N, C-alpha and C. Protein backbone atom coordinates (compact mmCIF):
# COMPACT_ATOMS: atom_id res chain seq x y z
N MET A 1 -22.21 -6.32 -11.52
CA MET A 1 -20.90 -7.01 -11.33
C MET A 1 -19.68 -5.92 -11.49
N SER A 2 -19.84 -5.04 -12.45
CA SER A 2 -18.73 -3.94 -12.61
C SER A 2 -18.63 -3.14 -11.26
N LEU A 3 -19.65 -2.86 -10.72
CA LEU A 3 -19.64 -2.03 -9.45
C LEU A 3 -18.96 -2.73 -8.28
N VAL A 4 -19.15 -4.14 -8.31
CA VAL A 4 -18.45 -4.87 -7.31
C VAL A 4 -17.05 -5.03 -7.51
N VAL A 5 -16.66 -5.04 -8.66
CA VAL A 5 -15.11 -5.05 -9.09
C VAL A 5 -14.52 -3.71 -8.68
N ASN A 6 -15.20 -2.69 -9.13
CA ASN A 6 -14.69 -1.26 -8.77
C ASN A 6 -14.62 -1.10 -7.38
N LEU A 7 -15.64 -1.56 -6.44
CA LEU A 7 -15.55 -1.35 -4.96
C LEU A 7 -14.38 -2.29 -4.43
N VAL A 8 -14.12 -3.39 -5.00
CA VAL A 8 -13.04 -4.35 -4.47
C VAL A 8 -11.73 -3.60 -4.77
N LEU A 9 -11.55 -3.03 -5.98
CA LEU A 9 -10.36 -2.47 -6.37
C LEU A 9 -10.17 -1.17 -5.48
N LEU A 10 -11.19 -0.39 -5.14
CA LEU A 10 -11.09 0.72 -4.31
C LEU A 10 -10.59 0.42 -2.90
N VAL A 11 -11.22 -0.61 -2.42
CA VAL A 11 -10.77 -1.11 -1.12
C VAL A 11 -9.41 -1.37 -1.11
N PHE A 12 -8.99 -2.36 -2.12
CA PHE A 12 -7.47 -2.68 -2.18
C PHE A 12 -6.66 -1.51 -2.31
N LEU A 13 -6.92 -0.43 -3.12
CA LEU A 13 -6.19 0.78 -3.32
C LEU A 13 -6.06 1.40 -1.89
N LEU A 14 -7.24 1.62 -1.21
CA LEU A 14 -7.17 2.14 0.12
C LEU A 14 -6.23 1.46 1.16
N VAL A 15 -6.28 0.13 1.07
CA VAL A 15 -5.38 -0.60 1.95
C VAL A 15 -4.04 -0.52 1.66
N MET A 16 -3.67 -0.50 0.31
CA MET A 16 -2.26 -0.26 -0.17
C MET A 16 -1.78 1.08 0.31
N ALA A 17 -2.67 2.11 0.16
CA ALA A 17 -2.24 3.59 0.40
C ALA A 17 -1.91 3.65 1.86
N LEU A 18 -2.74 3.02 2.69
CA LEU A 18 -2.54 3.14 4.24
C LEU A 18 -1.41 2.21 4.66
N ALA A 19 -1.13 1.08 3.96
CA ALA A 19 0.06 0.35 4.20
C ALA A 19 1.34 1.04 3.85
N VAL A 20 1.45 1.79 2.83
CA VAL A 20 2.52 2.66 2.43
C VAL A 20 2.68 3.68 3.42
N LEU A 21 1.67 4.39 3.94
CA LEU A 21 1.89 5.45 4.82
C LEU A 21 2.38 4.82 6.28
N LYS A 22 1.86 3.59 6.59
CA LYS A 22 2.27 3.10 7.99
C LYS A 22 3.64 2.49 7.97
N THR A 23 4.08 1.91 6.85
CA THR A 23 5.31 1.15 6.87
C THR A 23 6.53 2.08 7.07
N ARG A 24 7.57 1.52 7.63
CA ARG A 24 8.67 2.37 7.88
C ARG A 24 10.08 1.73 7.18
N HIS A 25 9.78 0.67 6.59
CA HIS A 25 10.87 -0.05 5.93
C HIS A 25 10.77 0.47 4.45
N LEU A 26 11.91 1.03 4.01
CA LEU A 26 11.78 1.68 2.59
C LEU A 26 11.68 0.60 1.47
N PHE A 27 12.25 -0.77 1.76
CA PHE A 27 12.03 -1.70 0.52
C PHE A 27 10.82 -2.13 0.58
N ALA A 28 9.91 -2.37 1.68
CA ALA A 28 8.58 -2.77 1.67
C ALA A 28 7.78 -1.61 1.07
N MET A 29 8.27 -0.40 1.29
CA MET A 29 7.45 0.76 0.81
C MET A 29 7.56 0.76 -0.77
N ALA A 30 8.54 0.45 -1.29
CA ALA A 30 8.84 0.52 -2.72
C ALA A 30 8.11 -0.64 -3.27
N MET A 31 8.04 -1.78 -2.78
CA MET A 31 7.08 -2.94 -3.24
C MET A 31 5.78 -2.59 -3.12
N LEU A 32 5.23 -1.98 -2.06
CA LEU A 32 3.81 -1.55 -2.00
C LEU A 32 3.34 -0.58 -2.94
N PHE A 33 4.44 0.40 -3.25
CA PHE A 33 4.07 1.31 -4.37
C PHE A 33 3.83 0.65 -5.72
N GLY A 34 4.62 -0.37 -5.96
CA GLY A 34 4.49 -1.30 -7.20
C GLY A 34 3.25 -1.96 -7.18
N LEU A 35 2.85 -2.47 -6.09
CA LEU A 35 1.43 -3.14 -6.01
C LEU A 35 0.37 -2.14 -6.17
N TYR A 36 0.47 -0.93 -5.60
CA TYR A 36 -0.48 0.04 -5.76
C TYR A 36 -0.58 0.46 -7.27
N SER A 37 0.47 0.57 -7.98
CA SER A 37 0.37 1.09 -9.38
C SER A 37 -0.28 -0.15 -10.13
N LEU A 38 0.07 -1.43 -9.80
CA LEU A 38 -0.64 -2.64 -10.39
C LEU A 38 -2.21 -2.45 -10.31
N LEU A 39 -2.52 -2.16 -9.15
CA LEU A 39 -4.03 -2.12 -8.71
C LEU A 39 -4.64 -0.99 -9.65
N VAL A 40 -3.98 0.17 -9.80
CA VAL A 40 -4.43 1.28 -10.57
C VAL A 40 -4.53 0.88 -12.00
N ALA A 41 -3.56 0.07 -12.52
CA ALA A 41 -3.65 -0.33 -13.84
C ALA A 41 -4.89 -1.31 -13.99
N GLY A 42 -5.21 -2.09 -12.99
CA GLY A 42 -6.27 -2.94 -13.12
C GLY A 42 -7.54 -2.04 -13.01
N LEU A 43 -7.62 -0.97 -12.41
CA LEU A 43 -8.71 -0.10 -12.27
C LEU A 43 -8.94 0.63 -13.74
N PHE A 44 -7.88 0.89 -14.38
CA PHE A 44 -7.92 1.38 -15.75
C PHE A 44 -8.61 0.45 -16.71
N VAL A 45 -8.28 -0.76 -16.54
CA VAL A 45 -8.72 -1.87 -17.37
C VAL A 45 -10.29 -2.00 -17.24
N VAL A 46 -10.73 -1.85 -15.92
CA VAL A 46 -12.10 -1.96 -15.63
C VAL A 46 -12.93 -0.70 -16.11
N LEU A 47 -12.10 0.47 -16.21
CA LEU A 47 -12.82 1.63 -16.77
C LEU A 47 -12.67 1.77 -18.24
N ASP A 48 -12.29 0.65 -18.84
CA ASP A 48 -12.23 0.50 -20.41
C ASP A 48 -11.31 1.50 -21.02
N ALA A 49 -9.97 1.53 -20.38
CA ALA A 49 -8.91 2.46 -20.68
C ALA A 49 -7.74 1.55 -20.84
N PRO A 50 -7.72 0.50 -21.76
CA PRO A 50 -6.55 -0.39 -21.66
C PRO A 50 -5.22 0.16 -22.13
N ASP A 51 -5.16 1.16 -22.88
CA ASP A 51 -3.92 1.91 -23.28
C ASP A 51 -3.31 2.49 -22.12
N VAL A 52 -4.21 3.27 -21.30
CA VAL A 52 -3.63 3.84 -20.07
C VAL A 52 -3.27 2.79 -19.04
N ALA A 53 -3.89 1.59 -19.00
CA ALA A 53 -3.57 0.59 -18.09
C ALA A 53 -2.24 -0.02 -18.46
N PHE A 54 -1.90 -0.20 -19.73
CA PHE A 54 -0.56 -0.62 -20.09
C PHE A 54 0.49 0.28 -19.81
N THR A 55 0.18 1.59 -19.89
CA THR A 55 1.29 2.54 -19.58
C THR A 55 1.35 2.56 -18.04
N GLU A 56 0.45 2.47 -17.33
CA GLU A 56 0.47 2.47 -15.90
C GLU A 56 1.35 1.28 -15.41
N ALA A 57 0.96 0.14 -15.97
CA ALA A 57 1.59 -1.06 -15.73
C ALA A 57 3.05 -1.05 -15.96
N ALA A 58 3.43 -0.48 -17.12
CA ALA A 58 4.89 -0.48 -17.56
C ALA A 58 5.59 0.57 -16.78
N VAL A 59 5.14 1.80 -16.65
CA VAL A 59 5.81 2.84 -15.93
C VAL A 59 5.75 2.85 -14.40
N GLY A 60 4.49 2.73 -14.12
CA GLY A 60 4.11 2.81 -12.55
C GLY A 60 4.63 1.52 -11.83
N THR A 61 4.30 0.45 -12.46
CA THR A 61 4.74 -0.88 -11.70
C THR A 61 6.01 -1.29 -12.04
N GLY A 62 6.58 -1.33 -13.28
CA GLY A 62 7.82 -1.72 -13.63
C GLY A 62 8.99 -0.57 -13.40
N ILE A 63 8.95 0.41 -14.23
CA ILE A 63 10.06 1.36 -14.21
C ILE A 63 10.18 2.08 -12.88
N SER A 64 9.12 2.60 -12.25
CA SER A 64 9.13 3.23 -11.18
C SER A 64 9.61 2.37 -9.88
N THR A 65 9.19 1.17 -9.88
CA THR A 65 9.71 0.31 -8.81
C THR A 65 11.22 0.01 -9.03
N VAL A 66 11.60 -0.22 -10.14
CA VAL A 66 13.06 -0.47 -10.24
C VAL A 66 13.87 0.76 -9.87
N LEU A 67 13.38 2.01 -10.39
CA LEU A 67 14.06 3.19 -9.98
C LEU A 67 14.08 3.51 -8.46
N MET A 68 12.93 3.04 -7.66
CA MET A 68 12.98 3.17 -6.41
C MET A 68 14.08 2.28 -5.65
N LEU A 69 14.13 1.03 -6.30
CA LEU A 69 15.03 0.02 -5.79
C LEU A 69 16.48 0.37 -6.04
N VAL A 70 16.67 1.13 -7.16
CA VAL A 70 18.17 1.53 -7.44
C VAL A 70 18.47 2.79 -6.44
N THR A 71 17.61 3.62 -6.22
CA THR A 71 17.67 4.74 -5.30
C THR A 71 18.13 4.02 -3.92
N LEU A 72 17.44 3.11 -3.46
CA LEU A 72 17.56 2.49 -2.21
C LEU A 72 19.04 1.85 -2.16
N ALA A 73 19.37 1.31 -3.28
CA ALA A 73 20.73 0.66 -3.29
C ALA A 73 21.89 1.65 -3.23
N SER A 74 21.52 2.76 -3.63
CA SER A 74 22.70 3.95 -3.54
C SER A 74 22.66 4.70 -2.22
N ILE A 75 21.87 4.31 -1.35
CA ILE A 75 21.81 4.86 0.00
C ILE A 75 22.44 3.91 1.00
N LYS A 76 23.41 4.42 1.76
CA LYS A 76 24.14 3.65 2.80
C LYS A 76 23.40 3.89 4.14
N ASP A 77 23.23 2.73 4.85
CA ASP A 77 22.77 2.65 6.12
C ASP A 77 21.38 3.36 6.23
N GLY A 78 20.77 3.59 4.98
CA GLY A 78 19.44 4.17 5.08
C GLY A 78 19.35 5.60 5.37
N HIS A 79 20.44 6.38 5.44
CA HIS A 79 20.48 7.69 5.96
C HIS A 79 21.35 8.57 5.09
N GLU A 80 22.52 8.03 4.47
CA GLU A 80 23.33 9.04 3.75
C GLU A 80 23.68 8.43 2.36
N LEU A 81 23.86 9.23 1.42
CA LEU A 81 24.32 8.73 0.12
C LEU A 81 25.64 8.41 0.13
N ILE A 82 25.84 7.19 -0.86
CA ILE A 82 27.19 6.73 -0.94
C ILE A 82 28.05 7.72 -1.69
N SER A 83 27.61 8.32 -2.77
CA SER A 83 28.37 9.32 -3.53
C SER A 83 27.62 10.70 -3.46
N THR A 84 28.21 11.69 -3.09
CA THR A 84 27.64 13.04 -3.16
C THR A 84 28.45 13.99 -3.89
N GLN A 85 29.32 13.53 -4.82
CA GLN A 85 30.24 14.46 -5.42
C GLN A 85 29.72 15.10 -6.64
N LYS A 86 28.71 14.56 -7.30
CA LYS A 86 28.20 15.06 -8.46
C LYS A 86 27.27 16.21 -8.25
N SER A 87 27.43 17.15 -9.13
CA SER A 87 26.73 18.26 -9.12
C SER A 87 25.18 18.05 -9.53
N ARG A 88 24.20 18.69 -8.91
CA ARG A 88 22.88 18.41 -9.26
C ARG A 88 22.18 19.68 -9.92
N THR A 89 23.13 20.55 -10.41
CA THR A 89 22.58 21.71 -10.82
C THR A 89 21.94 21.57 -12.28
N ALA A 90 22.50 20.80 -13.12
CA ALA A 90 22.07 20.50 -14.45
C ALA A 90 20.64 19.97 -14.42
N PRO A 91 20.41 18.80 -13.63
CA PRO A 91 19.04 18.15 -13.45
C PRO A 91 18.22 19.13 -13.09
N LEU A 92 18.56 20.06 -12.08
CA LEU A 92 17.42 21.06 -11.50
C LEU A 92 17.12 22.05 -12.64
N ILE A 93 18.05 22.49 -13.31
CA ILE A 93 17.81 23.52 -14.38
C ILE A 93 16.93 22.91 -15.44
N ILE A 94 17.19 21.73 -15.78
CA ILE A 94 16.33 20.96 -16.79
C ILE A 94 14.89 20.82 -16.21
N CYS A 95 14.85 20.41 -14.98
CA CYS A 95 13.37 20.26 -14.43
C CYS A 95 12.67 21.56 -14.38
N VAL A 96 13.23 22.59 -13.93
CA VAL A 96 12.61 23.93 -13.95
C VAL A 96 12.25 24.37 -15.35
N LEU A 97 12.98 24.30 -16.31
CA LEU A 97 12.73 24.66 -17.62
C LEU A 97 11.67 23.81 -18.30
N MET A 98 11.65 22.40 -17.92
CA MET A 98 10.44 21.61 -18.52
C MET A 98 9.14 21.98 -17.81
N GLY A 99 9.19 22.18 -16.47
CA GLY A 99 8.00 22.67 -15.74
C GLY A 99 7.47 23.95 -16.24
N GLY A 100 8.42 24.82 -16.54
CA GLY A 100 7.93 26.21 -17.07
C GLY A 100 7.28 26.03 -18.47
N LEU A 101 7.91 25.08 -19.27
CA LEU A 101 7.29 24.97 -20.62
C LEU A 101 5.86 24.30 -20.49
N LEU A 102 5.75 23.32 -19.61
CA LEU A 102 4.47 22.59 -19.53
C LEU A 102 3.48 23.70 -18.86
N ILE A 103 3.72 24.42 -17.97
CA ILE A 103 2.85 25.43 -17.46
C ILE A 103 2.43 26.38 -18.57
N TYR A 104 3.35 26.85 -19.48
CA TYR A 104 3.05 27.74 -20.61
C TYR A 104 2.17 27.04 -21.46
N GLY A 105 2.43 25.84 -21.77
CA GLY A 105 1.65 25.04 -22.71
C GLY A 105 0.19 24.73 -22.25
N THR A 106 -0.24 24.83 -20.95
CA THR A 106 -1.50 24.77 -20.57
C THR A 106 -2.45 25.81 -20.89
N HIS A 107 -1.95 27.02 -21.32
CA HIS A 107 -2.85 28.10 -21.57
C HIS A 107 -3.63 27.77 -22.85
N ASP A 108 -3.21 26.87 -23.61
CA ASP A 108 -3.97 26.76 -24.92
C ASP A 108 -4.95 25.48 -24.82
N ILE A 109 -4.99 24.84 -23.82
CA ILE A 109 -5.92 23.77 -23.54
C ILE A 109 -7.33 24.12 -23.37
N ALA A 110 -8.20 23.63 -24.10
CA ALA A 110 -9.64 24.00 -24.04
C ALA A 110 -10.03 23.55 -22.50
N GLU A 111 -11.12 24.36 -22.09
CA GLU A 111 -11.63 24.00 -20.76
C GLU A 111 -12.23 22.65 -20.70
N LEU A 112 -11.81 21.95 -19.61
CA LEU A 112 -12.10 20.60 -19.37
C LEU A 112 -13.59 20.39 -19.31
N GLY A 113 -14.10 19.49 -20.07
CA GLY A 113 -15.56 19.23 -20.17
C GLY A 113 -16.40 20.14 -20.87
N GLU A 114 -15.74 21.02 -21.64
CA GLU A 114 -16.54 22.01 -22.50
C GLU A 114 -17.16 21.39 -23.53
N VAL A 115 -18.58 21.34 -23.61
CA VAL A 115 -19.31 20.41 -24.52
C VAL A 115 -19.20 21.01 -26.01
N GLU A 116 -18.99 22.20 -26.26
CA GLU A 116 -19.00 22.72 -27.44
C GLU A 116 -17.55 22.73 -28.14
N SER A 117 -16.61 22.24 -27.47
CA SER A 117 -15.10 22.09 -28.05
C SER A 117 -15.05 21.33 -29.26
N ALA A 118 -14.18 21.56 -30.03
CA ALA A 118 -14.00 20.70 -31.28
C ALA A 118 -13.78 19.25 -31.09
N PRO A 119 -13.08 18.75 -30.06
CA PRO A 119 -13.01 17.31 -29.97
C PRO A 119 -14.47 16.69 -29.72
N HIS A 120 -15.25 17.37 -29.14
CA HIS A 120 -16.62 16.64 -28.83
C HIS A 120 -17.54 16.85 -29.86
N THR A 121 -17.49 17.81 -30.63
CA THR A 121 -18.42 18.08 -31.81
C THR A 121 -18.06 17.59 -33.15
N GLN A 122 -16.75 17.59 -33.50
CA GLN A 122 -16.32 17.15 -34.72
C GLN A 122 -15.42 15.90 -34.78
N VAL A 123 -14.39 15.93 -34.00
CA VAL A 123 -13.34 14.90 -34.15
C VAL A 123 -13.76 13.58 -33.75
N ALA A 124 -14.42 13.43 -32.65
CA ALA A 124 -14.93 12.06 -32.21
C ALA A 124 -15.92 11.49 -33.34
N ALA A 125 -16.79 12.26 -33.83
CA ALA A 125 -17.82 11.70 -34.87
C ALA A 125 -17.05 11.33 -36.13
N ARG A 126 -16.13 12.06 -36.38
CA ARG A 126 -15.22 11.55 -37.63
C ARG A 126 -14.35 10.46 -37.38
N TYR A 127 -13.74 10.21 -36.23
CA TYR A 127 -13.14 9.06 -35.87
C TYR A 127 -13.99 7.85 -35.97
N ILE A 128 -15.10 8.02 -35.36
CA ILE A 128 -16.05 6.87 -35.18
C ILE A 128 -16.62 6.52 -36.69
N GLY A 129 -17.01 7.41 -37.29
CA GLY A 129 -17.80 7.37 -38.62
C GLY A 129 -16.85 6.87 -39.82
N LYS A 130 -15.63 7.51 -39.80
CA LYS A 130 -14.76 7.12 -41.01
C LYS A 130 -13.39 6.46 -40.69
N GLY A 131 -13.28 6.00 -39.51
CA GLY A 131 -12.03 5.53 -38.97
C GLY A 131 -11.63 4.26 -39.69
N LYS A 132 -12.43 3.34 -39.84
CA LYS A 132 -12.05 2.12 -40.52
C LYS A 132 -11.76 2.40 -42.04
N GLU A 133 -12.58 3.22 -42.59
CA GLU A 133 -12.45 3.53 -44.07
C GLU A 133 -11.19 4.26 -44.28
N GLU A 134 -10.82 5.20 -43.50
CA GLU A 134 -9.72 6.01 -43.74
C GLU A 134 -8.33 5.48 -43.45
N THR A 135 -8.31 4.53 -42.31
CA THR A 135 -7.07 4.07 -41.92
C THR A 135 -6.99 2.56 -42.47
N GLY A 136 -7.89 1.94 -42.61
CA GLY A 136 -7.77 0.42 -43.08
C GLY A 136 -7.61 -0.49 -41.86
N VAL A 137 -7.68 0.09 -40.65
CA VAL A 137 -7.39 -0.53 -39.45
C VAL A 137 -8.82 -0.98 -38.82
N PRO A 138 -9.23 -2.25 -38.58
CA PRO A 138 -10.45 -2.73 -38.09
C PRO A 138 -10.73 -2.20 -36.79
N ASN A 139 -9.78 -2.19 -35.84
CA ASN A 139 -10.00 -1.88 -34.48
C ASN A 139 -9.98 -0.37 -34.31
N LEU A 140 -10.98 0.29 -33.82
CA LEU A 140 -11.08 1.75 -33.68
C LEU A 140 -10.07 2.37 -32.83
N VAL A 141 -9.79 1.67 -31.68
CA VAL A 141 -8.81 2.34 -30.67
C VAL A 141 -7.48 2.35 -31.35
N THR A 142 -7.07 1.21 -32.11
CA THR A 142 -5.78 1.21 -32.69
C THR A 142 -5.65 2.11 -33.93
N ALA A 143 -6.75 2.29 -34.61
CA ALA A 143 -6.80 3.33 -35.83
C ALA A 143 -6.54 4.66 -35.04
N VAL A 144 -7.25 5.08 -34.00
CA VAL A 144 -6.98 6.37 -33.47
C VAL A 144 -5.78 6.59 -32.94
N LEU A 145 -5.10 5.57 -32.13
CA LEU A 145 -3.83 5.72 -31.44
C LEU A 145 -2.80 5.84 -32.59
N ALA A 146 -2.79 4.83 -33.50
CA ALA A 146 -1.56 4.61 -34.49
C ALA A 146 -1.88 5.63 -35.69
N SER A 147 -2.99 5.84 -36.23
CA SER A 147 -3.18 6.56 -37.38
C SER A 147 -3.41 8.05 -37.13
N TYR A 148 -4.61 8.39 -36.53
CA TYR A 148 -4.98 9.63 -36.30
C TYR A 148 -4.19 10.37 -35.28
N ARG A 149 -3.78 9.73 -34.15
CA ARG A 149 -3.03 10.39 -33.16
C ARG A 149 -1.65 9.82 -32.96
N GLY A 150 -1.13 9.37 -34.10
CA GLY A 150 0.22 8.78 -34.11
C GLY A 150 1.31 9.88 -33.49
N PHE A 151 1.14 11.02 -33.85
CA PHE A 151 2.17 12.03 -33.31
C PHE A 151 1.94 12.22 -31.89
N ASP A 152 0.68 12.07 -31.42
CA ASP A 152 0.38 12.42 -29.93
C ASP A 152 1.09 11.05 -29.27
N THR A 153 0.93 9.95 -29.74
CA THR A 153 1.53 8.70 -29.17
C THR A 153 3.06 8.69 -29.16
N LEU A 154 3.63 9.20 -30.25
CA LEU A 154 5.03 9.55 -30.29
C LEU A 154 5.38 10.46 -29.13
N GLY A 155 4.58 11.58 -29.06
CA GLY A 155 4.95 12.49 -27.93
C GLY A 155 4.86 11.89 -26.69
N GLU A 156 3.99 10.95 -26.35
CA GLU A 156 3.87 10.24 -24.98
C GLU A 156 5.09 9.44 -24.97
N VAL A 157 5.53 8.70 -25.94
CA VAL A 157 6.90 7.86 -25.80
C VAL A 157 7.91 8.85 -25.60
N THR A 158 7.95 10.03 -26.21
CA THR A 158 9.16 10.98 -25.94
C THR A 158 9.13 11.42 -24.55
N VAL A 159 7.91 11.66 -23.93
CA VAL A 159 7.88 12.02 -22.57
C VAL A 159 8.44 11.03 -21.61
N VAL A 160 8.04 9.87 -21.84
CA VAL A 160 8.53 8.75 -20.93
C VAL A 160 10.08 8.59 -21.21
N LEU A 161 10.61 8.79 -22.28
CA LEU A 161 12.09 8.61 -22.69
C LEU A 161 12.75 9.73 -21.84
N THR A 162 12.23 10.96 -22.00
CA THR A 162 12.75 12.25 -21.38
C THR A 162 12.76 12.06 -19.89
N ALA A 163 11.68 11.50 -19.23
CA ALA A 163 11.61 11.27 -17.83
C ALA A 163 12.67 10.21 -17.47
N GLY A 164 12.78 9.16 -18.32
CA GLY A 164 13.92 8.27 -18.00
C GLY A 164 15.32 8.73 -17.94
N ILE A 165 15.66 9.61 -18.98
CA ILE A 165 16.88 10.30 -18.96
C ILE A 165 17.03 11.17 -17.82
N GLY A 166 16.02 11.90 -17.49
CA GLY A 166 16.12 12.92 -16.22
C GLY A 166 16.40 12.05 -15.05
N VAL A 167 15.68 10.86 -14.93
CA VAL A 167 16.03 10.18 -13.66
C VAL A 167 17.34 9.54 -13.61
N LEU A 168 17.79 9.03 -14.86
CA LEU A 168 19.30 8.56 -14.95
C LEU A 168 20.23 9.69 -14.58
N MET A 169 19.95 10.81 -14.93
CA MET A 169 20.71 11.98 -14.64
C MET A 169 20.85 12.26 -13.10
N LEU A 170 19.69 12.20 -12.49
CA LEU A 170 19.52 12.49 -11.07
C LEU A 170 20.27 11.32 -10.31
N LEU A 171 20.02 9.98 -10.81
CA LEU A 171 20.62 8.93 -9.93
C LEU A 171 21.96 8.52 -10.36
N GLY A 172 22.41 9.00 -11.63
CA GLY A 172 23.62 8.61 -12.17
C GLY A 172 24.85 9.11 -11.42
N SER A 173 25.86 8.32 -11.44
CA SER A 173 27.23 8.73 -10.94
C SER A 173 28.39 8.18 -11.67
N ARG A 174 29.43 8.74 -11.53
CA ARG A 174 30.56 8.24 -12.41
C ARG A 174 31.20 6.94 -11.78
N LYS A 175 30.97 6.69 -10.50
CA LYS A 175 31.36 5.50 -9.94
C LYS A 175 30.28 4.50 -9.97
N LYS A 176 30.63 3.31 -9.75
CA LYS A 176 29.57 2.15 -9.86
C LYS A 176 28.93 2.19 -8.37
N ILE A 177 27.67 1.86 -8.40
CA ILE A 177 26.99 1.84 -7.14
C ILE A 177 27.48 0.59 -6.30
N ARG A 178 27.89 0.93 -5.12
CA ARG A 178 28.28 -0.06 -4.17
C ARG A 178 27.15 -0.54 -3.36
N ILE A 179 26.98 -1.64 -3.15
CA ILE A 179 25.92 -2.22 -2.14
C ILE A 179 26.79 -2.93 -1.10
N ARG A 180 26.60 -2.41 0.15
CA ARG A 180 27.25 -2.94 1.36
C ARG A 180 26.50 -4.25 1.81
N LYS A 181 27.29 -5.28 2.22
CA LYS A 181 26.59 -6.39 2.80
C LYS A 181 26.36 -6.12 4.22
N VAL A 182 25.10 -6.31 4.66
CA VAL A 182 24.65 -5.93 5.90
C VAL A 182 25.01 -7.08 6.79
N SER A 183 25.69 -7.00 8.02
CA SER A 183 25.87 -8.18 8.85
C SER A 183 24.74 -8.12 9.83
N ASN A 184 24.48 -9.40 10.35
CA ASN A 184 23.48 -9.54 11.40
C ASN A 184 24.15 -9.54 12.90
N GLY A 185 25.32 -9.09 12.93
CA GLY A 185 26.06 -9.14 14.28
C GLY A 185 26.55 -10.44 14.68
N LYS A 186 26.63 -11.30 13.69
CA LYS A 186 27.21 -12.79 14.00
C LYS A 186 28.52 -12.88 13.68
């Protein structure tokens, strides 16, 4: 049964990806991206990763779709920006610095799939063996995310907040966004 659900989700994901590539209407494309993210969240649920599914549903389906629609609202006639007076150098510098820090930070990450690494030999066994006893939380996933990996979860929230601030800096302007009413030639 699980294989059937995975295959159905895979087919839907392929259909959504092709629909995004084929459509020429930006509003429809934004909606299809939101639907694609919702399907990816469903796939994460099937793969027993509900925490990742919640994040994908919130960020991918919710926030990203809203940001795409706000971006579309700030474009006049589909081709030119309404306001181009604001300098984009500060967001560019921030993005380059953050990218450099992320690349620098990857040098200390253990080799992916390394069987002898500490998380596979020591940490997982301790979480499973003493999780309920040490944290007092009956659900193992909640114990790991909230107690053992609380700072990691806080870091993930900080990343999402930083990304939101960066997008607001990129999209923000001192003027209100004007949305022109499109006439149908009548």
